[in-house]
N, C-alpha and C. Protein backbone atom coordinates (compact mmCIF):
# COMPACT_ATOMS: atom_id res chain seq x y z
N MET A 1 -22.84 -9.71 -11.97
CA MET A 1 -22.09 -9.41 -10.76
C MET A 1 -22.98 -8.57 -9.84
N ASP A 2 -22.95 -8.90 -8.58
CA ASP A 2 -23.70 -8.18 -7.55
C ASP A 2 -23.22 -6.72 -7.48
N LEU A 3 -24.14 -5.79 -7.33
CA LEU A 3 -23.81 -4.36 -7.27
C LEU A 3 -22.86 -4.05 -6.12
N PHE A 4 -23.07 -4.67 -4.95
CA PHE A 4 -22.20 -4.40 -3.81
C PHE A 4 -20.81 -4.99 -4.01
N LEU A 5 -20.72 -6.13 -4.65
CA LEU A 5 -19.42 -6.70 -4.97
C LEU A 5 -18.68 -5.80 -5.95
N PHE A 6 -19.36 -5.33 -6.96
CA PHE A 6 -18.78 -4.40 -7.92
C PHE A 6 -18.31 -3.13 -7.22
N THR A 7 -19.14 -2.61 -6.32
CA THR A 7 -18.77 -1.42 -5.54
C THR A 7 -17.50 -1.68 -4.73
N GLY A 8 -17.39 -2.86 -4.15
CA GLY A 8 -16.19 -3.22 -3.39
C GLY A 8 -14.95 -3.25 -4.26
N TYR A 9 -15.07 -3.81 -5.45
CA TYR A 9 -13.93 -3.85 -6.36
C TYR A 9 -13.51 -2.45 -6.81
N ILE A 10 -14.47 -1.61 -7.12
CA ILE A 10 -14.15 -0.23 -7.53
C ILE A 10 -13.52 0.54 -6.37
N GLY A 11 -14.07 0.40 -5.17
CA GLY A 11 -13.49 1.06 -4.00
C GLY A 11 -12.08 0.58 -3.72
N GLY A 12 -11.87 -0.72 -3.81
CA GLY A 12 -10.53 -1.26 -3.61
C GLY A 12 -9.55 -0.78 -4.66
N PHE A 13 -10.01 -0.72 -5.90
CA PHE A 13 -9.17 -0.23 -6.99
C PHE A 13 -8.75 1.21 -6.74
N CYS A 14 -9.70 2.05 -6.34
CA CYS A 14 -9.41 3.47 -6.13
C CYS A 14 -8.46 3.69 -4.95
N THR A 15 -8.71 3.03 -3.83
CA THR A 15 -7.84 3.24 -2.67
C THR A 15 -6.46 2.66 -2.89
N THR A 16 -6.37 1.56 -3.63
CA THR A 16 -5.07 0.99 -3.94
C THR A 16 -4.31 1.89 -4.91
N LEU A 17 -4.99 2.34 -5.94
CA LEU A 17 -4.36 3.22 -6.93
C LEU A 17 -3.90 4.53 -6.31
N ALA A 18 -4.50 4.94 -5.21
CA ALA A 18 -4.14 6.21 -4.56
C ALA A 18 -2.68 6.21 -4.10
N PHE A 19 -2.08 5.07 -3.84
CA PHE A 19 -0.69 5.01 -3.39
C PHE A 19 0.30 5.07 -4.55
N PHE A 20 -0.14 4.77 -5.75
CA PHE A 20 0.77 4.71 -6.89
C PHE A 20 1.49 6.04 -7.18
N PRO A 21 0.80 7.19 -7.16
CA PRO A 21 1.52 8.44 -7.40
C PRO A 21 2.63 8.69 -6.37
N GLN A 22 2.43 8.27 -5.12
CA GLN A 22 3.47 8.45 -4.11
C GLN A 22 4.66 7.55 -4.39
N VAL A 23 4.39 6.33 -4.84
CA VAL A 23 5.48 5.42 -5.19
C VAL A 23 6.30 6.02 -6.34
N LEU A 24 5.62 6.51 -7.39
CA LEU A 24 6.33 7.13 -8.51
C LEU A 24 7.12 8.36 -8.08
N ARG A 25 6.51 9.20 -7.28
CA ARG A 25 7.18 10.43 -6.82
C ARG A 25 8.43 10.09 -6.01
N THR A 26 8.32 9.11 -5.14
CA THR A 26 9.46 8.70 -4.31
C THR A 26 10.57 8.15 -5.19
N TRP A 27 10.21 7.34 -6.17
CA TRP A 27 11.21 6.76 -7.07
C TRP A 27 11.90 7.85 -7.90
N LYS A 28 11.13 8.77 -8.45
CA LYS A 28 11.71 9.82 -9.29
C LYS A 28 12.60 10.77 -8.50
N ARG A 29 12.19 11.14 -7.30
CA ARG A 29 12.96 12.07 -6.47
C ARG A 29 14.09 11.40 -5.72
N ARG A 30 14.05 10.08 -5.64
CA ARG A 30 15.04 9.34 -4.87
C ARG A 30 15.08 9.80 -3.41
N SER A 31 13.89 10.10 -2.89
CA SER A 31 13.79 10.55 -1.50
C SER A 31 12.38 10.24 -0.98
N ALA A 32 12.35 9.82 0.28
CA ALA A 32 11.07 9.58 0.95
C ALA A 32 11.07 10.27 2.31
N ARG A 33 11.84 11.33 2.43
CA ARG A 33 11.95 12.03 3.71
C ARG A 33 10.63 12.62 4.17
N ASP A 34 9.72 12.89 3.24
CA ASP A 34 8.43 13.45 3.62
C ASP A 34 7.46 12.40 4.14
N LEU A 35 7.85 11.13 4.13
CA LEU A 35 7.02 10.05 4.68
C LEU A 35 7.60 9.64 6.03
N SER A 36 6.76 9.57 7.04
CA SER A 36 7.25 9.17 8.37
C SER A 36 7.24 7.64 8.49
N TRP A 37 8.17 7.14 9.30
CA TRP A 37 8.21 5.72 9.57
C TRP A 37 6.95 5.28 10.30
N GLY A 38 6.42 6.14 11.17
CA GLY A 38 5.19 5.81 11.89
C GLY A 38 4.03 5.57 10.94
N LEU A 39 3.87 6.44 9.97
CA LEU A 39 2.81 6.28 8.97
C LEU A 39 2.97 4.97 8.22
N LEU A 40 4.17 4.73 7.72
CA LEU A 40 4.40 3.51 6.94
C LEU A 40 4.19 2.26 7.79
N PHE A 41 4.71 2.27 9.01
CA PHE A 41 4.58 1.11 9.89
C PHE A 41 3.12 0.79 10.18
N LEU A 42 2.36 1.81 10.57
CA LEU A 42 0.95 1.59 10.91
C LEU A 42 0.14 1.14 9.69
N LEU A 43 0.41 1.73 8.54
CA LEU A 43 -0.30 1.31 7.34
C LEU A 43 0.05 -0.12 6.93
N ILE A 44 1.31 -0.48 7.02
CA ILE A 44 1.73 -1.84 6.67
C ILE A 44 1.05 -2.85 7.59
N ILE A 45 1.03 -2.58 8.89
CA ILE A 45 0.37 -3.49 9.84
C ILE A 45 -1.14 -3.53 9.58
N GLY A 46 -1.76 -2.36 9.43
CA GLY A 46 -3.20 -2.31 9.20
C GLY A 46 -3.64 -3.00 7.94
N VAL A 47 -2.92 -2.78 6.85
CA VAL A 47 -3.26 -3.41 5.58
C VAL A 47 -3.04 -4.92 5.66
N PHE A 48 -1.97 -5.35 6.36
CA PHE A 48 -1.75 -6.78 6.56
C PHE A 48 -2.94 -7.41 7.28
N LEU A 49 -3.44 -6.73 8.29
CA LEU A 49 -4.60 -7.25 9.02
C LEU A 49 -5.85 -7.31 8.14
N TRP A 50 -6.00 -6.35 7.22
CA TRP A 50 -7.11 -6.41 6.26
C TRP A 50 -6.96 -7.62 5.34
N ILE A 51 -5.73 -7.95 4.96
CA ILE A 51 -5.49 -9.12 4.13
C ILE A 51 -5.91 -10.38 4.88
N VAL A 52 -5.50 -10.48 6.15
CA VAL A 52 -5.88 -11.63 6.97
C VAL A 52 -7.41 -11.73 7.05
N TYR A 53 -8.07 -10.61 7.27
CA TYR A 53 -9.52 -10.58 7.34
C TYR A 53 -10.14 -11.04 6.01
N GLY A 54 -9.63 -10.50 4.91
CA GLY A 54 -10.15 -10.86 3.59
C GLY A 54 -9.99 -12.34 3.28
N VAL A 55 -8.84 -12.89 3.67
CA VAL A 55 -8.61 -14.32 3.45
C VAL A 55 -9.59 -15.14 4.28
N ASP A 56 -9.76 -14.75 5.54
CA ASP A 56 -10.69 -15.47 6.42
C ASP A 56 -12.12 -15.45 5.87
N LYS A 57 -12.54 -14.30 5.35
CA LYS A 57 -13.90 -14.16 4.82
C LYS A 57 -14.03 -14.61 3.37
N LYS A 58 -12.89 -15.01 2.79
CA LYS A 58 -12.85 -15.43 1.38
C LYS A 58 -13.38 -14.31 0.47
N ASP A 59 -12.96 -13.10 0.77
CA ASP A 59 -13.39 -11.91 0.04
C ASP A 59 -12.23 -11.45 -0.85
N MET A 60 -12.34 -11.75 -2.13
CA MET A 60 -11.26 -11.42 -3.06
C MET A 60 -11.09 -9.92 -3.26
N ALA A 61 -12.16 -9.15 -3.16
CA ALA A 61 -12.04 -7.70 -3.31
C ALA A 61 -11.16 -7.13 -2.20
N VAL A 62 -11.42 -7.52 -0.97
CA VAL A 62 -10.64 -7.04 0.17
C VAL A 62 -9.22 -7.58 0.11
N THR A 63 -9.07 -8.86 -0.13
CA THR A 63 -7.76 -9.49 -0.15
C THR A 63 -6.90 -8.94 -1.29
N GLY A 64 -7.43 -8.91 -2.48
CA GLY A 64 -6.65 -8.47 -3.65
C GLY A 64 -6.23 -7.02 -3.57
N ALA A 65 -7.17 -6.14 -3.25
CA ALA A 65 -6.84 -4.72 -3.17
C ALA A 65 -5.81 -4.45 -2.09
N ASN A 66 -5.96 -5.09 -0.95
CA ASN A 66 -5.02 -4.86 0.14
C ASN A 66 -3.67 -5.51 -0.11
N PHE A 67 -3.65 -6.60 -0.86
CA PHE A 67 -2.36 -7.21 -1.22
C PHE A 67 -1.55 -6.26 -2.09
N VAL A 68 -2.19 -5.67 -3.09
CA VAL A 68 -1.48 -4.72 -3.96
C VAL A 68 -1.06 -3.48 -3.15
N THR A 69 -1.95 -2.99 -2.29
CA THR A 69 -1.61 -1.85 -1.43
C THR A 69 -0.40 -2.19 -0.56
N GLU A 70 -0.38 -3.39 -0.01
CA GLU A 70 0.74 -3.82 0.84
C GLU A 70 2.05 -3.81 0.04
N CYS A 71 1.99 -4.25 -1.20
CA CYS A 71 3.19 -4.21 -2.06
C CYS A 71 3.67 -2.78 -2.25
N PHE A 72 2.75 -1.86 -2.50
CA PHE A 72 3.12 -0.44 -2.64
C PHE A 72 3.75 0.08 -1.35
N LEU A 73 3.16 -0.23 -0.21
CA LEU A 73 3.65 0.26 1.06
C LEU A 73 5.03 -0.31 1.41
N VAL A 74 5.21 -1.59 1.18
CA VAL A 74 6.51 -2.20 1.43
C VAL A 74 7.56 -1.60 0.48
N SER A 75 7.17 -1.32 -0.76
CA SER A 75 8.07 -0.66 -1.70
C SER A 75 8.46 0.72 -1.19
N LEU A 76 7.48 1.47 -0.70
CA LEU A 76 7.77 2.80 -0.15
C LEU A 76 8.71 2.71 1.05
N ALA A 77 8.49 1.76 1.93
CA ALA A 77 9.36 1.60 3.09
C ALA A 77 10.78 1.23 2.65
N GLY A 78 10.88 0.33 1.67
CA GLY A 78 12.19 -0.03 1.14
C GLY A 78 12.91 1.15 0.50
N MET A 79 12.17 1.94 -0.27
CA MET A 79 12.78 3.12 -0.90
C MET A 79 13.17 4.14 0.16
N LYS A 80 12.35 4.30 1.20
CA LYS A 80 12.70 5.24 2.27
C LYS A 80 14.02 4.84 2.90
N TRP A 81 14.15 3.58 3.23
CA TRP A 81 15.40 3.12 3.83
C TRP A 81 16.57 3.29 2.86
N TRP A 82 16.38 2.86 1.62
CA TRP A 82 17.47 2.89 0.64
C TRP A 82 17.89 4.32 0.30
N PHE A 83 16.93 5.15 -0.06
CA PHE A 83 17.27 6.50 -0.51
C PHE A 83 17.68 7.42 0.63
N ASP A 84 17.01 7.33 1.77
CA ASP A 84 17.25 8.30 2.84
C ASP A 84 18.34 7.88 3.81
N TYR A 85 18.67 6.60 3.88
CA TYR A 85 19.69 6.18 4.82
C TYR A 85 20.87 5.54 4.12
N ARG A 86 20.61 4.57 3.32
CA ARG A 86 21.69 3.82 2.67
C ARG A 86 22.48 4.70 1.69
N CYS A 87 21.77 5.48 0.88
CA CYS A 87 22.44 6.28 -0.15
C CYS A 87 23.02 7.58 0.39
N ARG A 88 22.72 7.88 1.63
CA ARG A 88 23.26 9.12 2.22
C ARG A 88 24.76 9.02 2.40
N GLY A 89 25.25 7.82 2.52
CA GLY A 89 26.68 7.62 2.57
C GLY A 89 27.17 7.58 3.95
């Protein structure tokens, strides 16, 4: 495996994994009030655009890492809506 490709996979793994503790914390606390909608919206759009770029370039490191990140971000947005608005009663 090419050293730069390996570096890309490790970088993607690290940045994607960085969202996991926030997902767990939000789930355990049943609250996402400390996350702004602006942050989530911009990240969801930005990561989606990275996925489009990765698909166009046929770059699995970019596409795969950003796909998983997008899943985490959409989960956080869903939990924010559910816990902070829907469950408030």
